[in-house]
Amino acid sequence: MKQSEILILTEGGRKIGYGHIIRCSALYDGLQKRGFDVKFIINGDDEVKKVLINKNYKIADWRNEKHLDSLFLENKIIIIDSYLVSQKIYDYISKESRLVVYVDDNKRLNYKNGIVINYGIYAKELEYEILKFKKLLGTTYSILREPFLECRVKNIKKEINNILITLGGSDVLNLTPKILKILNKKYENIKKDVIVGNGFNNIEEIQLIKDDKIKLFYNLNAQEMKEKMGKADLVISTGGSTLYELIAVGVPTIAIRVAENQKRNIEYFKKEGIIIGMNDFEKKILLEKIEEIKNIEIRKKMSKKGQEKIDGFGVKRIVDVIEKNNFSLRRATIKDIKKVYELSNANYVREYSTNKEKIKWNDHIIWYNDVLENQKKILYIVEVKGEFVGQVRFDLSEIENVISISLSEKIRGKGMGKWIIDRALMRLEKEERIKKVTAYILEDNVVSKKVFENFDGEVDIQIIKKCHELH
């Protein structure tokens, strides 16, 4: 059975570059391989088409509630990667979608429900405070394109004979011609390979500098980029997402900051001896850094440390987490009566129920019909890939609103309980305007108590020894 639909909401273009799109493309490929139906919605210009070959996409300004409503978010998983969208829009998407995944770099906003991904080497020091989302932090979750999944140990040569220059999709500071002029004057016999991005506005200037030692490469795909990186003895790059791919390949790199959000990347990788960093571009400093990195022992250490830090399996780990939390909630119907009955009578459910006696079928029919007809009783069915895996029930009254949950053995012990409760509470608030409920838990049901403790302020936990309610 096909997995859920996933929308990737991001931005990119000639003016702001393609970094968000490129890293989200790696997620797109990983998710599509697992059977998810993935589509890009991109706030950008027509230039983005060049980096979206063989991708399902739409160019649209999605940064308003009206357009988001047209996307029917409720049954979809949403991935957001943006530096421009407001807290209000993020909150709206979080509330309306089945599951939201935030790709973040600098703890830009106050993220609420969902999964936050920050694969920066510095991510764990940002102290994300909200408990109600899963945090995938650090280089373990580096988002690299598929060819970088497995990289051989880099063979470091004694001499630097080939320098690769890759400054992003648009070379926003026009550094490529400046660097080439410096290298041509100081290292005229060294080969220079230049990656020309789709958004370069300085191609004519670069071509005027070109000589027999300079080769220009246009619109390389991920596999071609990996091959170019692997053949280079030294790379001059920016501090964005490409830096992580270079480190995975193990090629010694001088990284130049061209945007404020790259500052931490460069500082932390530099501190660990994985790269040589430049906070700002200066001719004198660049030449000093090249002379420093000529030392083969320095390059060997950089390469080894980097490949130990980034193993290339980050996308796989992220997709594993998304897949594990890919479930849906819907209102119960009469067709669910038998499955609810069987789950309610399962030994592992009755063991921690407040009434341990088995439920009789006739009693269940009476109770179930009452649930469907009574507006004060709400029963949500939990499904994974269309298969019944659990139930969440709310019994509403003027005195209190009580929550109870039962999950199938197929998903018990997999950490999904917290997510299911969270989604059910969000839906209850949306449909009934109810923000607080009560959970009655047996004193020896340690697991349930621990799960519900994540909802301080939303769930009042009542520890009990015995209860006479049938279900």
Protein backbone atom coordinates (compact mmCIF):
# COMPACT_ATOMS: atom_id res chain seq x y z
CA MET A 1 0.00 0.00 0.00
CA LYS A 2 1.29 3.46 -0.92
CA GLN A 3 2.55 5.66 1.89
CA SER A 4 1.10 9.08 2.76
CA GLU A 5 1.30 12.22 0.67
CA ILE A 6 4.11 14.59 1.65
CA LEU A 7 4.39 18.24 0.66
CA ILE A 8 7.78 19.96 0.87
CA LEU A 9 7.27 23.71 1.30
CA THR A 10 10.42 25.71 0.62
CA GLU A 11 11.91 28.62 -1.33
CA GLY A 12 14.67 29.32 -3.82
CA GLY A 13 15.69 31.12 -6.97
CA ARG A 14 18.34 33.17 -8.69
CA LYS A 15 18.39 35.90 -6.03
CA ILE A 16 18.38 33.79 -2.85
CA GLY A 17 20.08 30.66 -4.15
CA TYR A 18 19.06 27.01 -4.24
CA GLY A 19 20.38 25.65 -0.93
CA HIS A 20 16.97 24.88 0.57
CA ILE A 21 15.79 23.15 -2.60
CA ILE A 22 18.94 21.05 -2.99
CA ARG A 23 18.90 19.70 0.55
CA CYS A 24 15.16 19.10 0.39
CA SER A 25 15.72 17.21 -2.86
CA ALA A 26 17.75 14.70 -0.86
CA LEU A 27 14.78 14.22 1.48
CA TYR A 28 12.46 14.01 -1.54
CA ASP A 29 14.49 11.14 -3.03
CA GLY A 30 14.78 9.27 0.27
CA LEU A 31 11.05 9.53 0.97
CA GLN A 32 10.05 8.60 -2.56
CA LYS A 33 12.16 5.44 -2.33
CA ARG A 34 10.10 4.39 0.71
CA GLY A 35 6.89 4.77 -1.27
CA PHE A 36 5.77 8.22 -0.11
CA ASP A 37 3.96 10.44 -2.63
CA VAL A 38 6.14 13.57 -2.52
CA LYS A 39 5.62 16.99 -4.08
CA PHE A 40 7.50 20.30 -3.87
CA ILE A 41 5.63 23.59 -3.41
CA ILE A 42 8.27 26.27 -4.01
CA ASN A 43 8.12 30.01 -3.49
CA GLY A 44 10.55 31.06 -6.22
CA ASP A 45 11.17 31.93 -9.85
CA ASP A 46 11.27 29.80 -13.00
CA GLU A 47 15.02 29.25 -12.56
CA VAL A 48 14.28 26.58 -9.94
CA LYS A 49 13.19 24.24 -12.74
CA LYS A 50 16.85 23.61 -13.52
CA VAL A 51 17.44 21.98 -10.14
CA LEU A 52 14.15 20.07 -10.07
CA ILE A 53 14.65 17.67 -12.95
CA ASN A 54 12.50 14.54 -12.51
CA LYS A 55 10.79 16.06 -9.47
CA ASN A 56 7.06 16.64 -8.92
CA TYR A 57 6.75 20.35 -8.13
CA LYS A 58 4.65 23.49 -8.29
CA ILE A 59 5.93 27.08 -8.14
CA ALA A 60 3.63 29.10 -5.90
CA ASP A 61 3.76 31.56 -3.03
CA TRP A 62 2.49 29.26 -0.28
CA ARG A 63 3.21 31.71 2.56
CA ASN A 64 -0.42 32.61 3.33
CA GLU A 65 -3.34 30.77 4.89
CA LYS A 66 -5.53 31.05 1.79
CA HIS A 67 -3.08 29.14 -0.38
CA LEU A 68 -2.33 26.66 2.40
CA ASP A 69 -6.05 25.90 2.70
CA SER A 70 -6.09 24.94 -0.99
CA LEU A 71 -3.44 22.29 -0.28
CA PHE A 72 -5.74 20.34 2.08
CA LEU A 73 -3.08 19.90 4.76
CA GLU A 74 -5.11 17.78 7.18
CA ASN A 75 -4.25 14.39 5.68
CA LYS A 76 -0.70 15.25 4.65
CA ILE A 77 2.78 15.26 6.14
CA ILE A 78 4.36 18.69 5.65
CA ILE A 79 8.09 19.42 5.50
CA ILE A 80 9.02 23.12 5.80
CA ASP A 81 12.44 24.58 5.02
CA SER A 82 12.30 28.38 5.05
CA TYR A 83 14.12 31.46 6.31
CA LEU A 84 11.28 33.79 5.30
CA VAL A 85 8.01 32.41 6.67
CA SER A 86 6.49 33.89 9.83
CA GLN A 87 5.75 32.19 13.15
CA LYS A 88 2.04 32.62 12.43
CA ILE A 89 2.22 30.54 9.24
CA TYR A 90 4.33 27.86 10.93
CA ASP A 91 1.76 27.60 13.73
CA TYR A 92 -1.08 27.37 11.22
CA ILE A 93 0.62 24.52 9.33
CA SER A 94 1.40 22.74 12.60
CA LYS A 95 -2.25 22.92 13.62
CA GLU A 96 -3.74 21.89 10.27
CA SER A 97 -1.45 19.10 9.02
CA ARG A 98 -1.18 15.46 9.99
CA LEU A 99 2.52 15.81 10.86
CA VAL A 100 4.91 18.70 10.34
CA VAL A 101 8.68 18.41 9.93
CA TYR A 102 10.79 21.56 10.33
CA VAL A 103 14.22 21.82 8.69
CA ASP A 104 16.03 24.40 10.80
CA ASP A 105 19.52 25.86 11.07
CA ASN A 106 19.53 28.42 13.87
CA LYS A 107 16.46 27.87 16.06
CA ARG A 108 14.82 30.60 14.01
CA LEU A 109 11.32 30.18 15.43
CA ASN A 110 9.46 28.64 18.34
CA TYR A 111 8.61 25.23 16.90
CA LYS A 112 5.65 23.44 18.39
CA ASN A 113 4.26 20.02 17.44
CA GLY A 114 6.22 17.84 15.05
CA ILE A 115 9.79 16.91 14.17
CA VAL A 116 12.62 19.43 14.03
CA ILE A 117 15.75 18.62 12.02
CA ASN A 118 18.93 20.59 12.55
CA TYR A 119 21.95 18.68 11.31
CA GLY A 120 24.38 21.49 12.09
CA ILE A 121 27.48 20.43 13.98
CA TYR A 122 26.43 23.00 16.62
CA ALA A 123 22.74 21.99 16.81
CA LYS A 124 22.72 20.37 20.25
CA GLU A 125 23.93 23.60 21.83
CA LEU A 126 20.90 25.59 20.65
CA GLU A 127 18.73 24.22 23.49
CA TYR A 128 15.42 23.66 21.76
CA GLU A 129 13.01 23.96 24.67
CA ILE A 130 9.68 22.54 23.53
CA LEU A 131 9.18 18.91 24.58
CA LYS A 132 6.32 18.10 22.24
CA PHE A 133 8.37 17.46 19.16
CA LYS A 134 11.10 15.04 18.29
CA LYS A 135 14.52 16.62 17.89
CA LEU A 136 16.87 15.21 15.25
CA LEU A 137 20.00 17.20 16.02
CA GLY A 138 23.62 17.04 14.91
CA THR A 139 25.62 15.65 12.01
CA THR A 140 24.10 12.18 12.53
CA TYR A 141 21.14 13.58 10.58
CA SER A 142 23.12 15.35 7.84
CA ILE A 143 20.93 15.74 4.77
CA LEU A 144 23.11 14.56 1.91
CA ARG A 145 22.10 13.54 -1.58
CA GLU A 146 22.00 9.84 -2.43
CA PRO A 147 25.43 9.47 -4.10
CA PHE A 148 27.02 10.60 -0.83
CA LEU A 149 25.46 7.71 1.07
CA GLU A 150 28.67 5.71 0.93
CA CYS A 151 32.02 7.42 0.47
CA ARG A 152 35.37 5.67 0.36
CA VAL A 153 38.22 6.79 2.57
CA LYS A 154 39.86 9.67 0.74
CA ASN A 155 43.38 9.12 -0.57
CA ILE A 156 45.33 12.27 0.32
CA LYS A 157 48.13 13.01 -2.14
CA LYS A 158 51.41 14.61 -1.17
CA GLU A 159 51.04 17.54 -3.56
CA ILE A 160 48.02 19.70 -4.40
CA ASN A 161 47.57 19.41 -8.16
CA ASN A 162 43.84 20.02 -8.53
CA ILE A 163 41.70 22.68 -6.83
CA LEU A 164 37.91 22.57 -7.04
CA ILE A 165 35.97 25.82 -6.64
CA THR A 166 32.27 25.45 -5.77
CA LEU A 167 30.48 28.52 -4.43
CA GLY A 168 26.83 27.53 -4.47
CA GLY A 169 24.11 27.84 -7.05
CA SER A 170 24.42 31.58 -7.58
CA ASP A 171 27.80 32.81 -6.24
CA VAL A 172 26.02 35.60 -4.37
CA LEU A 173 29.22 37.57 -3.59
CA ASN A 174 30.77 37.12 -7.06
CA LEU A 175 33.83 35.42 -5.58
CA THR A 176 34.59 32.91 -8.34
CA PRO A 177 36.38 35.35 -10.71
CA LYS A 178 38.28 36.93 -7.80
CA ILE A 179 39.51 33.55 -6.56
CA LEU A 180 40.51 32.44 -10.07
CA LYS A 181 42.60 35.59 -10.58
CA ILE A 182 44.41 34.96 -7.28
CA LEU A 183 45.06 31.30 -8.07
CA ASN A 184 46.19 32.00 -11.64
CA LYS A 185 48.78 34.44 -10.39
CA LYS A 186 50.12 32.39 -7.47
CA TYR A 187 49.48 28.80 -8.60
CA GLU A 188 49.44 28.99 -12.38
CA ASN A 189 50.42 25.32 -12.88
CA ILE A 190 47.69 23.87 -10.67
CA LYS A 191 44.48 22.71 -12.38
CA LYS A 192 41.32 24.54 -11.34
CA ASP A 193 37.88 23.01 -11.80
CA VAL A 194 34.99 25.45 -11.38
CA ILE A 195 31.39 24.45 -10.71
CA VAL A 196 29.08 26.98 -12.37
CA GLY A 197 25.66 27.07 -10.73
CA ASN A 198 22.31 27.68 -12.37
CA GLY A 199 22.02 31.14 -10.84
CA PHE A 200 25.45 32.52 -11.77
CA ASN A 201 25.29 36.06 -13.18
CA ASN A 202 29.05 36.28 -13.70
CA ILE A 203 29.67 33.58 -16.31
CA GLU A 204 31.04 36.00 -18.92
CA GLU A 205 33.52 37.41 -16.40
CA ILE A 206 34.64 33.89 -15.47
CA GLN A 207 35.07 32.91 -19.13
CA LEU A 208 37.35 35.91 -19.71
CA ILE A 209 39.70 34.60 -17.01
CA LYS A 210 39.61 31.00 -18.23
CA ASP A 211 42.86 29.48 -19.52
CA ASP A 212 44.10 25.94 -20.25
CA LYS A 213 44.37 25.18 -16.51
CA ILE A 214 40.76 26.18 -15.79
CA LYS A 215 37.78 23.99 -16.64
CA LEU A 216 34.18 25.04 -16.16
CA PHE A 217 31.45 22.52 -15.32
CA TYR A 218 27.79 23.41 -15.66
CA ASN A 219 24.69 21.99 -13.96
CA LEU A 220 26.31 18.88 -12.50
CA ASN A 221 24.06 16.32 -10.87
CA ALA A 222 24.83 14.84 -7.45
CA GLN A 223 26.81 11.89 -8.81
CA GLU A 224 28.93 14.15 -11.02
CA MET A 225 29.53 16.50 -8.08
CA LYS A 226 30.68 13.63 -5.91
CA GLU A 227 33.13 12.50 -8.60
CA LYS A 228 34.54 16.02 -8.96
CA MET A 229 34.94 16.34 -5.20
CA GLY A 230 36.64 12.96 -5.00
CA LYS A 231 39.25 13.89 -7.61
CA ALA A 232 40.11 17.24 -6.01
CA ASP A 233 43.12 17.67 -3.73
CA LEU A 234 41.66 20.85 -2.26
CA VAL A 235 38.27 22.55 -2.42
CA ILE A 236 37.37 26.20 -1.94
CA SER A 237 33.73 26.32 -0.95
CA THR A 238 31.09 28.22 0.98
CA GLY A 239 29.83 27.19 4.41
CA GLY A 240 26.41 25.94 3.32
CA SER A 241 24.98 22.47 2.71
CA THR A 242 27.67 21.57 0.14
CA LEU A 243 30.21 21.71 2.97
CA TYR A 244 28.63 18.62 4.53
CA GLU A 245 28.97 16.70 1.27
CA LEU A 246 32.62 17.73 0.96
CA ILE A 247 33.30 16.54 4.49
CA ALA A 248 31.58 13.22 3.79
CA VAL A 249 33.82 12.74 0.74
CA GLY A 250 36.86 13.57 2.87
CA VAL A 251 38.33 16.27 0.65
CA PRO A 252 40.32 18.99 2.48
CA THR A 253 38.33 22.22 2.27
CA ILE A 254 38.74 25.94 2.78
CA ALA A 255 35.26 27.28 3.57
CA ILE A 256 34.36 30.95 3.06
CA ARG A 257 31.34 32.44 4.79
CA VAL A 258 29.05 34.12 2.25
CA ALA A 259 25.93 34.34 4.45
CA GLU A 260 25.32 34.91 8.15
CA ASN A 261 23.67 31.50 8.61
CA GLN A 262 26.95 29.80 7.58
CA LYS A 263 28.95 31.32 10.41
CA ARG A 264 28.32 28.57 12.97
CA ASN A 265 29.03 25.79 10.47
CA ILE A 266 32.44 27.19 9.68
CA GLU A 267 33.34 28.04 13.28
CA TYR A 268 32.47 24.62 14.69
CA PHE A 269 33.99 22.51 11.90
CA LYS A 270 37.10 24.68 12.10
CA LYS A 271 37.26 24.19 15.88
CA GLU A 272 37.22 20.41 15.41
CA GLY A 273 40.00 20.55 12.82
CA ILE A 274 37.78 19.32 9.99
CA ILE A 275 38.07 22.37 7.70
CA ILE A 276 40.00 25.59 7.39
CA GLY A 277 37.59 28.50 7.66
CA MET A 278 37.41 32.10 6.52
CA ASN A 279 34.86 34.41 8.10
CA ASP A 280 35.32 36.92 5.28
CA PHE A 281 37.00 36.74 1.90
CA GLU A 282 40.40 38.44 1.67
CA LYS A 283 43.15 37.75 -0.85
CA LYS A 284 45.94 37.70 1.72
CA ILE A 285 44.08 35.36 4.09
CA LEU A 286 43.12 32.98 1.28
CA LEU A 287 46.76 32.63 0.21
CA GLU A 288 47.81 32.04 3.83
CA LYS A 289 45.19 29.32 4.20
CA ILE A 290 46.29 27.58 1.00
CA GLU A 291 49.91 27.57 2.17
CA GLU A 292 48.79 26.16 5.52
CA ILE A 293 46.78 23.36 3.95
CA LYS A 294 49.66 22.30 1.70
CA ASN A 295 50.94 20.30 4.68
CA ILE A 296 49.91 16.71 3.91
CA GLU A 297 49.59 15.76 7.58
CA ILE A 298 47.09 18.57 8.15
CA ARG A 299 45.06 17.43 5.15
CA LYS A 300 45.10 13.80 6.29
CA LYS A 301 43.83 14.72 9.75
CA MET A 302 41.10 16.96 8.30
CA SER A 303 39.92 14.22 5.95
CA LYS A 304 39.87 11.49 8.60
CA LYS A 305 38.06 13.57 11.22
CA GLY A 306 35.47 14.73 8.70
CA GLN A 307 34.59 11.28 7.40
CA GLU A 308 34.23 10.04 10.97
CA LYS A 309 31.82 12.91 11.67
CA ILE A 310 29.51 12.49 8.67
CA ASP A 311 28.73 8.97 7.48
CA GLY A 312 26.12 9.78 4.81
CA PHE A 313 23.17 7.94 6.41
CA GLY A 314 21.39 11.04 7.75
CA VAL A 315 18.52 10.97 5.23
CA LYS A 316 17.86 7.29 5.96
CA ARG A 317 17.63 8.04 9.69
CA ILE A 318 15.25 10.95 9.08
CA VAL A 319 12.99 8.89 6.80
CA ASP A 320 12.94 6.13 9.44
CA VAL A 321 11.57 8.61 12.00
CA ILE A 322 8.98 10.05 9.60
CA GLU A 323 7.87 6.56 8.60
CA LYS A 324 7.49 5.53 12.23
CA ASN A 325 5.26 8.53 12.90
CA ASN A 326 3.21 8.19 9.73
CA PHE A 327 -0.25 7.51 11.11
CA SER A 328 -3.69 9.03 10.69
CA LEU A 329 -6.65 9.72 12.97
CA ARG A 330 -10.26 9.52 11.84
CA ARG A 331 -13.65 9.27 13.49
CA ALA A 332 -14.85 5.74 14.17
CA THR A 333 -17.63 4.24 12.04
CA ILE A 334 -19.79 1.15 12.43
CA LYS A 335 -17.29 -0.74 10.24
CA ASP A 336 -14.71 -0.49 13.04
CA ILE A 337 -16.86 -2.20 15.67
CA LYS A 338 -15.17 -5.60 15.51
CA LYS A 339 -11.60 -4.28 15.44
CA VAL A 340 -12.27 -2.03 18.42
CA TYR A 341 -13.80 -5.01 20.24
CA GLU A 342 -10.83 -7.27 19.52
CA LEU A 343 -8.30 -4.65 20.62
CA SER A 344 -10.25 -3.81 23.77
CA ASN A 345 -10.31 -7.50 24.73
CA ALA A 346 -6.64 -8.19 23.99
CA ASN A 347 -4.84 -9.50 27.08
CA TYR A 348 -2.18 -6.77 27.01
CA VAL A 349 -4.94 -4.11 26.94
CA ARG A 350 -7.07 -5.64 29.70
CA GLU A 351 -3.97 -6.05 31.89
CA TYR A 352 -3.68 -2.28 32.31
CA SER A 353 -7.36 -1.44 31.99
CA THR A 354 -9.14 -0.20 35.08
CA ASN A 355 -11.59 -3.11 34.61
CA LYS A 356 -9.69 -6.30 33.77
CA GLU A 357 -12.70 -8.47 32.92
CA LYS A 358 -13.26 -9.45 29.28
CA ILE A 359 -15.97 -7.50 27.49
CA LYS A 360 -18.99 -9.40 26.19
CA TRP A 361 -19.92 -8.87 22.55
CA ASN A 362 -23.51 -7.81 23.28
CA ASP A 363 -22.32 -5.29 25.86
CA HIS A 364 -19.79 -3.97 23.36
CA ILE A 365 -22.48 -3.45 20.69
CA ILE A 366 -24.59 -1.38 23.09
CA TRP A 367 -21.57 0.66 24.19
CA TYR A 368 -20.26 1.16 20.65
CA ASN A 369 -23.59 2.35 19.24
CA ASP A 370 -23.82 4.81 22.11
CA VAL A 371 -20.34 6.13 21.27
CA LEU A 372 -21.33 6.73 17.65
CA GLU A 373 -24.61 8.45 18.54
CA ASN A 374 -23.60 10.37 21.67
CA GLN A 375 -22.06 13.78 20.98
CA LYS A 376 -20.33 13.63 24.34
CA LYS A 377 -18.31 10.58 23.30
CA ILE A 378 -15.58 10.82 20.66
CA LEU A 379 -13.74 7.79 19.32
CA TYR A 380 -10.78 8.25 16.97
CA ILE A 381 -9.36 5.33 15.01
CA VAL A 382 -5.57 5.22 14.56
CA GLU A 383 -4.34 3.85 11.22
CA VAL A 384 -0.95 3.23 9.64
CA LYS A 385 -1.05 2.80 5.86
CA GLY A 386 -4.80 2.28 6.14
CA GLU A 387 -4.48 -0.50 8.73
CA PHE A 388 -6.19 -0.28 12.14
CA VAL A 389 -3.58 0.00 14.91
CA GLY A 390 -5.35 1.68 17.81
CA GLN A 391 -8.01 3.93 19.26
CA VAL A 392 -8.24 7.13 21.29
CA ARG A 393 -11.44 7.91 23.17
CA PHE A 394 -12.73 11.05 24.84
CA ASP A 395 -15.69 11.05 27.25
CA LEU A 396 -16.87 14.63 27.64
CA SER A 397 -18.89 16.12 30.48
CA GLU A 398 -19.36 19.38 32.35
CA ILE A 399 -17.25 18.01 35.22
CA GLU A 400 -14.29 16.62 33.27
CA ASN A 401 -13.19 15.34 29.86
CA VAL A 402 -11.56 11.92 30.07
CA ILE A 403 -9.05 10.47 27.59
CA SER A 404 -8.19 6.79 27.12
CA ILE A 405 -5.97 5.10 24.54
CA SER A 406 -5.35 1.53 23.35
CA LEU A 407 -2.70 0.58 20.80
CA SER A 408 -2.11 -2.59 18.82
CA GLU A 409 0.92 -4.76 19.56
CA LYS A 410 2.20 -3.79 16.11
CA ILE A 411 3.07 -0.29 17.31
CA ARG A 412 3.36 -0.68 21.09
CA GLY A 413 6.82 0.09 22.42
CA LYS A 414 7.81 2.11 19.34
CA GLY A 415 7.43 5.55 20.89
CA MET A 416 4.29 6.41 18.93
CA GLY A 417 1.95 6.84 21.91
CA LYS A 418 3.03 10.41 22.64
CA TRP A 419 2.56 11.42 19.02
CA ILE A 420 -0.89 9.85 18.80
CA ILE A 421 -2.07 11.51 22.01
CA ASP A 422 -0.69 14.85 20.86
CA ARG A 423 -2.49 14.61 17.51
CA ALA A 424 -5.73 13.55 19.22
CA LEU A 425 -5.55 16.48 21.65
CA MET A 426 -4.96 18.91 18.79
CA ARG A 427 -7.95 17.54 16.92
CA LEU A 428 -10.13 17.66 20.03
CA GLU A 429 -9.24 21.31 20.55
CA LYS A 430 -9.96 22.09 16.91
CA GLU A 431 -13.31 20.27 16.80
CA GLU A 432 -14.64 20.80 20.33
CA ARG A 433 -12.60 23.78 21.64
CA ILE A 434 -11.47 21.63 24.57
CA LYS A 435 -7.92 22.26 25.79
CA LYS A 436 -7.63 20.09 28.91
CA VAL A 437 -8.51 16.47 29.65
CA THR A 438 -8.08 13.93 32.44
CA ALA A 439 -6.31 10.57 32.18
CA TYR A 440 -7.10 7.86 34.75
CA ILE A 441 -4.10 5.54 35.01
CA LEU A 442 -3.51 2.46 37.14
CA GLU A 443 -0.69 3.01 39.60
CA ASP A 444 1.37 0.13 38.14
CA ASN A 445 1.02 1.38 34.54
CA VAL A 446 4.37 3.17 34.54
CA VAL A 447 4.60 3.47 30.74
CA SER A 448 1.27 5.30 30.35
CA LYS A 449 2.09 7.60 33.24
CA LYS A 450 5.41 8.52 31.64
CA VAL A 451 3.79 9.20 28.25
CA PHE A 452 1.05 11.42 29.67
CA GLU A 453 3.57 13.40 31.72
CA ASN A 454 4.68 14.97 28.42
CA PHE A 455 1.38 16.88 28.37
CA ASP A 456 1.66 18.97 31.51
CA GLY A 457 -1.05 21.63 31.40
CA GLU A 458 -3.13 19.67 28.89
CA VAL A 459 -3.65 16.37 30.71
CA ASP A 460 -4.49 16.00 34.39
CA ILE A 461 -3.16 12.59 35.49
CA GLN A 462 -5.22 10.75 38.09
CA ILE A 463 -3.57 7.64 39.54
CA ILE A 464 -6.14 5.03 40.59
CA LYS A 465 -6.24 1.52 41.99
CA LYS A 466 -9.62 0.41 40.70
CA CYS A 467 -12.42 1.58 38.44
CA HIS A 468 -15.74 0.00 37.52
CA GLU A 469 -16.16 1.33 33.99
CA LEU A 470 -16.70 -1.52 31.53
CA HIS A 471 -14.51 -0.23 28.71
